[in-house]
Each structure stands twice: as structure tokens, then as C-alpha cells.
Amino acid sequence: MLVDSHCHLDFEAFEADFDGVLSRAAAADVDTMVTICTRLSHFDRIRAIAEVHPNIWCSLGVHPHEAAEERVDAPDRLVALSAHPRVIGIGETGLDYYYEHSPREAQQVSFRAHIAAARATGLPLIVHTRDADDDTMDILEAEYRENGPVSGLIHCFSASGELAERALALGFYLSFSGIVTFRRAEDVQAVAKAAPLDRLLVETDAPYLAPVPYRGKRNEPAFVRDTAAFVAELRQTTFEALAAATTENFYRLFSKAVRQA
């Protein structure tokens, strides 16, 4: 069985085909999914999906793109809302200096508030980082030193080997999306090959970043199987072993999630 540890099932791209998406996921042995919150104003509909489907969990957070419009300056609201039994992670949060849809300062303030919420709740932090490696890790390391550790993962890993080493040193996990299957993703592939097996997860980030051979199409949870198969080949192990390891890793990190029977 497989877990899609990061997808966006509330997005419009799935509205007309939601039942089909879930059916194809089941056929691909994807038995658990996490639908990720990017705006607190959308949390009700994200939570509703997780409430209806026992194999779908959800997170709570504000994407760095939305940090200016949906300001989170303190952890209080995140802590309160995360008490819901279907919320198993905080985020996605982090820094994105590629698009800079929100000012860097607003992103950093929001990031720190999410870190504080993860620490207060014990839930793992789901980190997005793009073109912001140094600031992302500097903030995580400073928070670790000054306020204590949090658990978490770097989602949709597309950063440097140095970031991977620094994140792993903090106890973080690395989650690989369809990007790892792209022809020119040699650096990401090198990290996926070398990282400790007990720190790996797989995800789709659906509806974005469909893996080869679906690149350019709408992504969906079933396609996490192709990403897992690619990573297994990179690591010269079996698909079954990789699937089992990433599933165990998911339930260890997201310990609030109840394993599917």
C-alpha cells in the first residue's frame, strides 16, 4: 500500500471527477491521502473532505504565497483549529522567493508562527521552500536552538543537497514528488538515492507536477505509484520495499493518523 502524503483534493481541478480520482487511487493501492491546506479561509471545505472519507486526512496552514493576504502572526488560531481529529499536520508553510507573491517578511513571520504551532501541538510541520534554501534552514535551525525541536518534512523536495543534509540533521523527513522523475532533475535524484530510507516519503502535490509518463497532465493521487517506482529503481530496491518503508515513515511522522485496516 502507498500513501500520498501531499495533495490538494479541494482544488477546482478535481470537482468534476472527484469519485473517479478516489477510485483510481484505490486501484493503484494508494490507500491513504493527506489533503493540504493553503488558506485558512478554505479550511472548512478541506476538513469536510477528510471528515467524509476515512482514508483522507488533512492539514492546517497558510501557503507562503498567501502570507500577506491571510496573515498568521501568532500560533493561537492554528493551535485551536488543529485540535480537530482529522488534522494531522501544520502547513503547508515556508518560504517561496521564486514567485514572491507575498513579501519575504510576511512569509517569515507566518513561517515562525506555524513552527510555534507545530511545537505546541506536537504535529509535524509541512515545509514548502523554493529559491529560499538558506533562509528556510536558518529559521528552522534558529527555532530549534532557541525554542526547541519540531518534527516535520520538506515537501515536494526540489532543493539542494546541502538543504537535505541540514533538514535531516534536525530530524526532518524528505518527501519526493513527480519532480524526481523529470529528466533534468539529477540533483533531486541524487538526494532521493542517498537519503536514509527511514526518512523518505512520496507525494503527488496534485493537481501539479505529474510524474513521467504523465508529465503535463493533471496530477492525481494514483500517480504517486509511478513516483515510488522511480525512487525504488534509483535506490536499486523493489517497489514493494520502497512502498512499505514510505508508508511506515508516514505513520511514524504523522502519528495522529490512524492506519487503514
C-alpha atoms as a PDB file:
ATOM      1  CA  MET A   1       0.000   0.000   0.000  1.00  0.00           C
ATOM      2  CA  LEU A   2       1.025   3.609  -0.597  1.00  0.00           C
ATOM      3  CA  VAL A   3       0.412   6.988   0.982  1.00  0.00           C
ATOM      4  CA  ASP A   4       0.087  10.221  -0.978  1.00  0.00           C
ATOM      5  CA  SER A   5       1.399  12.476   1.760  1.00  0.00           C
ATOM      6  CA  HIS A   6       0.574  15.760  -0.001  1.00  0.00           C
ATOM      7  CA  CYS A   7      -2.226  16.580  -2.425  1.00  0.00           C
ATOM      8  CA  HIS A   8      -4.858  19.294  -2.854  1.00  0.00           C
ATOM      9  CA  LEU A   9      -8.170  17.497  -3.245  1.00  0.00           C
ATOM     10  CA  ASP A  10     -10.222  20.630  -2.618  1.00  0.00           C
ATOM     11  CA  PHE A  11      -8.897  22.309  -5.773  1.00  0.00           C
ATOM     12  CA  GLU A  12     -11.231  23.021  -8.673  1.00  0.00           C
ATOM     13  CA  ALA A  13      -9.280  20.639 -10.905  1.00  0.00           C
ATOM     14  CA  PHE A  14     -10.919  17.697  -9.108  1.00  0.00           C
ATOM     15  CA  GLU A  15     -14.503  18.920  -8.807  1.00  0.00           C
ATOM     16  CA  ALA A  16     -15.883  17.183 -11.894  1.00  0.00           C
ATOM     17  CA  ASP A  17     -14.058  13.897 -11.308  1.00  0.00           C
ATOM     18  CA  PHE A  18     -13.650  13.502  -7.557  1.00  0.00           C
ATOM     19  CA  ASP A  19     -15.107   9.998  -7.290  1.00  0.00           C
ATOM     20  CA  GLY A  20     -13.012   8.860 -10.245  1.00  0.00           C
ATOM     21  CA  VAL A  21      -9.871  10.238  -8.631  1.00  0.00           C
ATOM     22  CA  LEU A  22     -10.523   8.251  -5.462  1.00  0.00           C
ATOM     23  CA  SER A  23     -11.412   5.110  -7.420  1.00  0.00           C
ATOM     24  CA  ARG A  24      -8.185   5.264  -9.435  1.00  0.00           C
ATOM     25  CA  ALA A  25      -6.188   5.866  -6.264  1.00  0.00           C
ATOM     26  CA  ALA A  26      -7.664   2.727  -4.718  1.00  0.00           C
ATOM     27  CA  ALA A  27      -6.895   0.727  -7.876  1.00  0.00           C
ATOM     28  CA  ALA A  28      -3.273   1.905  -7.636  1.00  0.00           C
ATOM     29  CA  ASP A  29      -3.090   0.736  -3.979  1.00  0.00           C
ATOM     30  CA  VAL A  30      -2.953   4.303  -2.674  1.00  0.00           C
ATOM     31  CA  ASP A  31      -4.951   3.756   0.491  1.00  0.00           C
ATOM     32  CA  THR A  32      -4.170   6.973   2.382  1.00  0.00           C
ATOM     33  CA  MET A  33      -4.032  10.624   1.315  1.00  0.00           C
ATOM     34  CA  VAL A  34      -3.425  13.966   3.013  1.00  0.00           C
ATOM     35  CA  THR A  35      -5.256  16.933   1.511  1.00  0.00           C
ATOM     36  CA  ILE A  36      -3.256  20.036   2.292  1.00  0.00           C
ATOM     37  CA  CYS A  37      -4.489  23.424   3.466  1.00  0.00           C
ATOM     38  CA  THR A  38      -3.065  26.526   1.772  1.00  0.00           C
ATOM     39  CA  ARG A  39      -5.536  29.126   3.121  1.00  0.00           C
ATOM     40  CA  LEU A  40      -7.310  29.204   6.465  1.00  0.00           C
ATOM     41  CA  SER A  41     -10.321  30.641   4.632  1.00  0.00           C
ATOM     42  CA  HIS A  42     -10.561  27.299   2.777  1.00  0.00           C
ATOM     43  CA  PHE A  43     -10.095  25.089   5.815  1.00  0.00           C
ATOM     44  CA  ASP A  44     -13.787  24.247   6.247  1.00  0.00           C
ATOM     45  CA  ARG A  45     -14.022  22.609   2.831  1.00  0.00           C
ATOM     46  CA  ILE A  46     -10.694  20.806   3.280  1.00  0.00           C
ATOM     47  CA  ARG A  47     -11.780  19.493   6.664  1.00  0.00           C
ATOM     48  CA  ALA A  48     -15.125  18.398   5.186  1.00  0.00           C
ATOM     49  CA  ILE A  49     -13.351  16.144   2.672  1.00  0.00           C
ATOM     50  CA  ALA A  50     -11.381  14.465   5.449  1.00  0.00           C
ATOM     51  CA  GLU A  51     -14.481  14.067   7.599  1.00  0.00           C
ATOM     52  CA  VAL A  52     -16.352  12.199   4.863  1.00  0.00           C
ATOM     53  CA  HIS A  53     -13.525   9.901   3.724  1.00  0.00           C
ATOM     54  CA  PRO A  54     -11.814   7.797   6.421  1.00  0.00           C
ATOM     55  CA  ASN A  55      -8.668   7.336   4.314  1.00  0.00           C
ATOM     56  CA  ILE A  56      -8.171  11.077   3.726  1.00  0.00           C
ATOM     57  CA  TRP A  57      -6.580  13.265   6.389  1.00  0.00           C
ATOM     58  CA  CYS A  58      -5.917  16.984   6.247  1.00  0.00           C
ATOM     59  CA  SER A  59      -3.528  19.680   7.361  1.00  0.00           C
ATOM     60  CA  LEU A  60      -3.982  23.246   8.540  1.00  0.00           C
ATOM     61  CA  GLY A  61      -1.955  26.210   7.362  1.00  0.00           C
ATOM     62  CA  VAL A  62      -1.267  29.139   5.051  1.00  0.00           C
ATOM     63  CA  HIS A  63       0.964  28.760   1.999  1.00  0.00           C
ATOM     64  CA  PRO A  64       3.745  31.363   1.729  1.00  0.00           C
ATOM     65  CA  HIS A  65       2.056  32.711  -1.413  1.00  0.00           C
ATOM     66  CA  GLU A  66      -0.905  33.741   0.760  1.00  0.00           C
ATOM     67  CA  ALA A  67       1.078  35.015   3.760  1.00  0.00           C
ATOM     68  CA  ALA A  68       0.275  38.696   3.144  1.00  0.00           C
ATOM     69  CA  GLU A  69      -3.425  38.220   2.414  1.00  0.00           C
ATOM     70  CA  GLU A  70      -4.042  35.665   5.184  1.00  0.00           C
ATOM     71  CA  ARG A  71      -1.715  36.857   7.894  1.00  0.00           C
ATOM     72  CA  VAL A  72      -0.756  34.463  10.675  1.00  0.00           C
ATOM     73  CA  ASP A  73       1.283  36.379  13.212  1.00  0.00           C
ATOM     74  CA  ALA A  74       0.813  34.026  16.174  1.00  0.00           C
ATOM     75  CA  PRO A  75       0.147  30.304  16.607  1.00  0.00           C
ATOM     76  CA  ASP A  76      -3.064  30.571  18.630  1.00  0.00           C
ATOM     77  CA  ARG A  77      -5.638  30.059  15.886  1.00  0.00           C
ATOM     78  CA  LEU A  78      -3.631  27.266  14.284  1.00  0.00           C
ATOM     79  CA  VAL A  79      -3.346  25.501  17.633  1.00  0.00           C
ATOM     80  CA  ALA A  80      -7.077  25.786  18.292  1.00  0.00           C
ATOM     81  CA  LEU A  81      -8.202  24.564  14.858  1.00  0.00           C
ATOM     82  CA  SER A  82      -5.680  21.712  14.779  1.00  0.00           C
ATOM     83  CA  ALA A  83      -7.456  20.020  17.667  1.00  0.00           C
ATOM     84  CA  HIS A  84      -9.885  18.601  15.093  1.00  0.00           C
ATOM     85  CA  PRO A  85      -9.338  14.822  14.895  1.00  0.00           C
ATOM     86  CA  ARG A  86      -8.777  14.836  11.119  1.00  0.00           C
ATOM     87  CA  VAL A  87      -5.966  17.439  11.232  1.00  0.00           C
ATOM     88  CA  ILE A  88      -2.620  15.648  11.334  1.00  0.00           C
ATOM     89  CA  GLY A  89      -0.112  18.322  10.259  1.00  0.00           C
ATOM     90  CA  ILE A  90       0.662  22.049  10.292  1.00  0.00           C
ATOM     91  CA  GLY A  91       1.138  23.692   6.894  1.00  0.00           C
ATOM     92  CA  GLU A  92       1.925  23.935   4.238  1.00  0.00           C
ATOM     93  CA  THR A  93       4.089  26.808   5.291  1.00  0.00           C
ATOM     94  CA  GLY A  94       7.582  28.024   4.499  1.00  0.00           C
ATOM     95  CA  LEU A  95       9.231  30.426   2.094  1.00  0.00           C
ATOM     96  CA  ASP A  96       8.903  30.970  -1.648  1.00  0.00           C
ATOM     97  CA  TYR A  97      11.257  33.563  -3.117  1.00  0.00           C
ATOM     98  CA  TYR A  98      10.719  32.389  -6.701  1.00  0.00           C
ATOM     99  CA  TYR A  99       7.293  33.952  -7.193  1.00  0.00           C
ATOM    100  CA  GLU A 100       7.272  36.241  -4.134  1.00  0.00           C
ATOM    101  CA  HIS A 101       3.500  36.575  -4.198  1.00  0.00           C
ATOM    102  CA  SER A 102       3.866  37.774  -0.596  1.00  0.00           C
ATOM    103  CA  PRO A 103       6.678  39.944   0.831  1.00  0.00           C
ATOM    104  CA  ARG A 104       9.531  37.993   2.357  1.00  0.00           C
ATOM    105  CA  GLU A 105       8.975  39.481   5.800  1.00  0.00           C
ATOM    106  CA  ALA A 106       5.316  38.394   5.835  1.00  0.00           C
ATOM    107  CA  GLN A 107       6.349  34.888   4.767  1.00  0.00           C
ATOM    108  CA  GLN A 108       8.937  34.673   7.532  1.00  0.00           C
ATOM    109  CA  VAL A 109       6.530  35.873  10.233  1.00  0.00           C
ATOM    110  CA  SER A 110       3.938  33.324   9.098  1.00  0.00           C
ATOM    111  CA  PHE A 111       6.560  30.567   8.946  1.00  0.00           C
ATOM    112  CA  ARG A 112       7.638  31.202  12.531  1.00  0.00           C
ATOM    113  CA  ALA A 113       4.029  31.195  13.722  1.00  0.00           C
ATOM    114  CA  HIS A 114       3.459  27.829  12.050  1.00  0.00           C
ATOM    115  CA  ILE A 115       6.633  26.453  13.641  1.00  0.00           C
ATOM    116  CA  ALA A 116       5.366  27.575  17.038  1.00  0.00           C
ATOM    117  CA  ALA A 117       2.023  25.882  16.367  1.00  0.00           C
ATOM    118  CA  ALA A 118       3.752  22.644  15.390  1.00  0.00           C
ATOM    119  CA  ARG A 119       5.779  22.758  18.590  1.00  0.00           C
ATOM    120  CA  ALA A 120       2.720  23.486  20.739  1.00  0.00           C
ATOM    121  CA  THR A 121       0.595  20.726  19.197  1.00  0.00           C
ATOM    122  CA  GLY A 122       3.249  18.106  18.533  1.00  0.00           C
ATOM    123  CA  LEU A 123       2.046  17.860  14.933  1.00  0.00           C
ATOM    124  CA  PRO A 124       4.599  17.720  12.118  1.00  0.00           C
ATOM    125  CA  LEU A 125       5.428  20.847  10.124  1.00  0.00           C
ATOM    126  CA  ILE A 126       4.895  20.660   6.349  1.00  0.00           C
ATOM    127  CA  VAL A 127       7.502  22.925   4.752  1.00  0.00           C
ATOM    128  CA  HIS A 128       7.442  24.447   1.274  1.00  0.00           C
ATOM    129  CA  THR A 129      10.695  26.045   0.139  1.00  0.00           C
ATOM    130  CA  ARG A 130      11.622  27.418  -3.270  1.00  0.00           C
ATOM    131  CA  ASP A 131      14.638  29.593  -4.016  1.00  0.00           C
ATOM    132  CA  ALA A 132      14.878  30.185  -0.271  1.00  0.00           C
ATOM    133  CA  ASP A 133      17.120  27.383   0.983  1.00  0.00           C
ATOM    134  CA  ASP A 134      19.318  29.422   3.304  1.00  0.00           C
ATOM    135  CA  ASP A 135      16.530  31.426   4.938  1.00  0.00           C
ATOM    136  CA  THR A 136      14.333  28.330   5.328  1.00  0.00           C
ATOM    137  CA  MET A 137      17.021  26.394   7.129  1.00  0.00           C
ATOM    138  CA  ASP A 138      18.352  29.379   9.067  1.00  0.00           C
ATOM    139  CA  ILE A 139      14.871  29.918  10.537  1.00  0.00           C
ATOM    140  CA  LEU A 140      14.336  26.214  11.304  1.00  0.00           C
ATOM    141  CA  GLU A 141      17.760  25.911  12.925  1.00  0.00           C
ATOM    142  CA  ALA A 142      17.316  29.110  14.942  1.00  0.00           C
ATOM    143  CA  GLU A 143      13.914  27.942  16.156  1.00  0.00           C
ATOM    144  CA  TYR A 144      15.430  24.600  17.109  1.00  0.00           C
ATOM    145  CA  ARG A 145      18.199  26.266  19.129  1.00  0.00           C
ATOM    146  CA  GLU A 146      16.076  28.957  20.749  1.00  0.00           C
ATOM    147  CA  ASN A 147      12.739  27.270  21.346  1.00  0.00           C
ATOM    148  CA  GLY A 148      13.191  23.526  20.958  1.00  0.00           C
ATOM    149  CA  PRO A 149      12.668  20.938  18.229  1.00  0.00           C
ATOM    150  CA  VAL A 150       9.706  20.306  15.990  1.00  0.00           C
ATOM    151  CA  SER A 151       9.087  17.366  13.709  1.00  0.00           C
ATOM    152  CA  GLY A 152       8.371  17.849  10.036  1.00  0.00           C
ATOM    153  CA  LEU A 153       9.230  17.330   6.422  1.00  0.00           C
ATOM    154  CA  ILE A 154      10.425  19.224   3.382  1.00  0.00           C
ATOM    155  CA  HIS A 155       7.598  18.591   0.954  1.00  0.00           C
ATOM    156  CA  CYS A 156       7.991  18.292  -2.815  1.00  0.00           C
ATOM    157  CA  PHE A 157      11.743  18.181  -2.401  1.00  0.00           C
ATOM    158  CA  SER A 158      13.489  20.151  -5.142  1.00  0.00           C
ATOM    159  CA  ALA A 159      16.220  21.891  -3.174  1.00  0.00           C
ATOM    160  CA  SER A 160      19.944  21.354  -2.743  1.00  0.00           C
ATOM    161  CA  GLY A 161      21.845  18.500  -1.200  1.00  0.00           C
ATOM    162  CA  GLU A 162      23.032  20.928   1.465  1.00  0.00           C
ATOM    163  CA  LEU A 163      19.446  21.717   2.464  1.00  0.00           C
ATOM    164  CA  ALA A 164      18.718  17.999   2.627  1.00  0.00           C
ATOM    165  CA  GLU A 165      21.652  17.454   4.984  1.00  0.00           C
ATOM    166  CA  ARG A 166      20.625  20.342   7.227  1.00  0.00           C
ATOM    167  CA  ALA A 167      16.998  19.209   7.314  1.00  0.00           C
ATOM    168  CA  LEU A 168      17.943  15.614   8.082  1.00  0.00           C
ATOM    169  CA  ALA A 169      20.197  16.842  10.896  1.00  0.00           C
ATOM    170  CA  LEU A 170      17.122  18.411  12.516  1.00  0.00           C
ATOM    171  CA  GLY A 171      15.263  15.105  12.276  1.00  0.00           C
ATOM    172  CA  PHE A 172      13.154  16.153   9.299  1.00  0.00           C
ATOM    173  CA  TYR A 173      11.895  13.869   6.557  1.00  0.00           C
ATOM    174  CA  LEU A 174      12.140  14.467   2.793  1.00  0.00           C
ATOM    175  CA  SER A 175       9.097  13.972   0.571  1.00  0.00           C
ATOM    176  CA  PHE A 176       9.554  13.395  -3.156  1.00  0.00           C
ATOM    177  CA  SER A 177       7.050  14.335  -5.831  1.00  0.00           C
ATOM    178  CA  GLY A 178       6.905  13.759  -9.576  1.00  0.00           C
ATOM    179  CA  ILE A 179       9.803  16.191  -9.949  1.00  0.00           C
ATOM    180  CA  VAL A 180      12.193  13.363  -9.086  1.00  0.00           C
ATOM    181  CA  THR A 181      11.162  11.581 -12.326  1.00  0.00           C
ATOM    182  CA  PHE A 182      11.984  14.552 -14.574  1.00  0.00           C
ATOM    183  CA  ARG A 183      14.923  14.095 -16.933  1.00  0.00           C
ATOM    184  CA  ARG A 184      16.866  17.121 -15.737  1.00  0.00           C
ATOM    185  CA  ALA A 185      16.281  16.554 -12.020  1.00  0.00           C
ATOM    186  CA  GLU A 186      19.673  14.954 -11.412  1.00  0.00           C
ATOM    187  CA  ASP A 187      20.299  16.811  -8.142  1.00  0.00           C
ATOM    188  CA  VAL A 188      16.926  15.788  -6.723  1.00  0.00           C
ATOM    189  CA  GLN A 189      17.506  12.219  -7.861  1.00  0.00           C
ATOM    190  CA  ALA A 190      20.891  12.185  -6.112  1.00  0.00           C
ATOM    191  CA  VAL A 191      19.239  13.190  -2.830  1.00  0.00           C
ATOM    192  CA  ALA A 192      16.468  10.614  -3.257  1.00  0.00           C
ATOM    193  CA  LYS A 193      19.083   7.945  -3.856  1.00  0.00           C
ATOM    194  CA  ALA A 194      21.337   8.845  -0.927  1.00  0.00           C
ATOM    195  CA  ALA A 195      18.911   9.899   1.822  1.00  0.00           C
ATOM    196  CA  PRO A 196      18.225   7.450   4.669  1.00  0.00           C
ATOM    197  CA  LEU A 197      15.382   5.111   3.769  1.00  0.00           C
ATOM    198  CA  ASP A 198      13.669   5.763   7.095  1.00  0.00           C
ATOM    199  CA  ARG A 199      13.325   9.490   6.252  1.00  0.00           C
ATOM    200  CA  LEU A 200      11.678   9.206   2.815  1.00  0.00           C
ATOM    201  CA  LEU A 201       8.076   9.934   1.855  1.00  0.00           C
ATOM    202  CA  VAL A 202       6.354  10.186  -1.521  1.00  0.00           C
ATOM    203  CA  GLU A 203       3.640  12.557  -2.661  1.00  0.00           C
ATOM    204  CA  THR A 204       1.948  13.975  -5.728  1.00  0.00           C
ATOM    205  CA  ASP A 205       1.294  17.655  -4.881  1.00  0.00           C
ATOM    206  CA  ALA A 206      -1.708  17.005  -7.135  1.00  0.00           C
ATOM    207  CA  PRO A 207      -3.033  18.540  -9.279  1.00  0.00           C
ATOM    208  CA  TYR A 208       0.509  19.789 -10.022  1.00  0.00           C
ATOM    209  CA  LEU A 209       3.762  18.117 -11.090  1.00  0.00           C
ATOM    210  CA  ALA A 210       2.558  14.852 -12.585  1.00  0.00           C
ATOM    211  CA  PRO A 211       5.402  12.335 -12.835  1.00  0.00           C
ATOM    212  CA  VAL A 212       6.687  10.792 -16.024  1.00  0.00           C
ATOM    213  CA  PRO A 213       4.895   9.330 -18.023  1.00  0.00           C
ATOM    214  CA  TYR A 214       2.020  11.716 -17.189  1.00  0.00           C
ATOM    215  CA  ARG A 215       4.042  14.922 -17.187  1.00  0.00           C
ATOM    216  CA  GLY A 216       1.996  17.838 -18.475  1.00  0.00           C
ATOM    217  CA  LYS A 217      -1.309  16.270 -17.448  1.00  0.00           C
ATOM    218  CA  ARG A 218      -3.355  16.882 -14.332  1.00  0.00           C
ATOM    219  CA  ASN A 219      -1.742  15.033 -11.475  1.00  0.00           C
ATOM    220  CA  GLU A 220      -3.758  12.845  -9.099  1.00  0.00           C
ATOM    221  CA  PRO A 221      -3.039  10.572  -6.110  1.00  0.00           C
ATOM    222  CA  ALA A 222      -2.910   7.374  -8.179  1.00  0.00           C
ATOM    223  CA  PHE A 223       0.230   8.682  -9.867  1.00  0.00           C
ATOM    224  CA  VAL A 224       2.212   8.551  -6.622  1.00  0.00           C
ATOM    225  CA  ARG A 225       2.757   4.917  -7.559  1.00  0.00           C
ATOM    226  CA  ASP A 226       4.898   5.999 -10.525  1.00  0.00           C
ATOM    227  CA  THR A 227       6.989   8.269  -8.315  1.00  0.00           C
ATOM    228  CA  ALA A 228       7.506   5.487  -5.784  1.00  0.00           C
ATOM    229  CA  ALA A 229       8.510   3.045  -8.519  1.00  0.00           C
ATOM    230  CA  PHE A 230      11.029   5.542  -9.882  1.00  0.00           C
ATOM    231  CA  VAL A 231      12.582   6.160  -6.468  1.00  0.00           C
ATOM    232  CA  ALA A 232      12.762   2.403  -5.860  1.00  0.00           C
ATOM    233  CA  GLU A 233      14.671   1.962  -9.115  1.00  0.00           C
ATOM    234  CA  LEU A 234      17.015   4.823  -8.197  1.00  0.00           C
ATOM    235  CA  ARG A 235      17.786   3.135  -4.902  1.00  0.00           C
ATOM    236  CA  GLN A 236      18.090  -0.320  -6.511  1.00  0.00           C
ATOM    237  CA  THR A 237      15.396  -1.795  -4.323  1.00  0.00           C
ATOM    238  CA  THR A 238      11.982  -3.256  -5.006  1.00  0.00           C
ATOM    239  CA  PHE A 239       8.828  -1.242  -5.364  1.00  0.00           C
ATOM    240  CA  GLU A 240       7.285  -3.272  -2.541  1.00  0.00           C
ATOM    241  CA  ALA A 241      10.149  -2.443  -0.178  1.00  0.00           C
ATOM    242  CA  LEU A 242      10.018   1.261  -1.022  1.00  0.00           C
ATOM    243  CA  ALA A 243       6.240   1.366  -0.646  1.00  0.00           C
ATOM    244  CA  ALA A 244       6.393  -0.388   2.722  1.00  0.00           C
ATOM    245  CA  ALA A 245       9.146   1.887   4.008  1.00  0.00           C
ATOM    246  CA  THR A 246       7.491   5.149   2.961  1.00  0.00           C
ATOM    247  CA  THR A 247       4.188   4.013   4.446  1.00  0.00           C
ATOM    248  CA  GLU A 248       5.843   3.183   7.768  1.00  0.00           C
ATOM    249  CA  ASN A 249       7.646   6.519   7.676  1.00  0.00           C
ATOM    250  CA  PHE A 250       4.376   8.352   7.097  1.00  0.00           C
ATOM    251  CA  TYR A 251       2.668   6.816  10.115  1.00  0.00           C
ATOM    252  CA  ARG A 252       5.728   7.410  12.279  1.00  0.00           C
ATOM    253  CA  LEU A 253       5.859  11.098  11.360  1.00  0.00           C
ATOM    254  CA  PHE A 254       2.113  11.734  11.174  1.00  0.00           C
ATOM    255  CA  SER A 255       1.409   9.804  14.337  1.00  0.00           C
ATOM    256  CA  LYS A 256      -2.074  11.269  14.765  1.00  0.00           C
ATOM    257  CA  ALA A 257      -3.222   9.422  11.636  1.00  0.00           C
ATOM    258  CA  VAL A 258      -4.875   6.071  12.224  1.00  0.00           C
ATOM    259  CA  ARG A 259      -3.535   3.334   9.991  1.00  0.00           C
ATOM    260  CA  GLN A 260      -6.028   1.983   7.481  1.00  0.00           C
ATOM    261  CA  ALA A 261      -7.115  -1.628   8.064  1.00  0.00           C
END
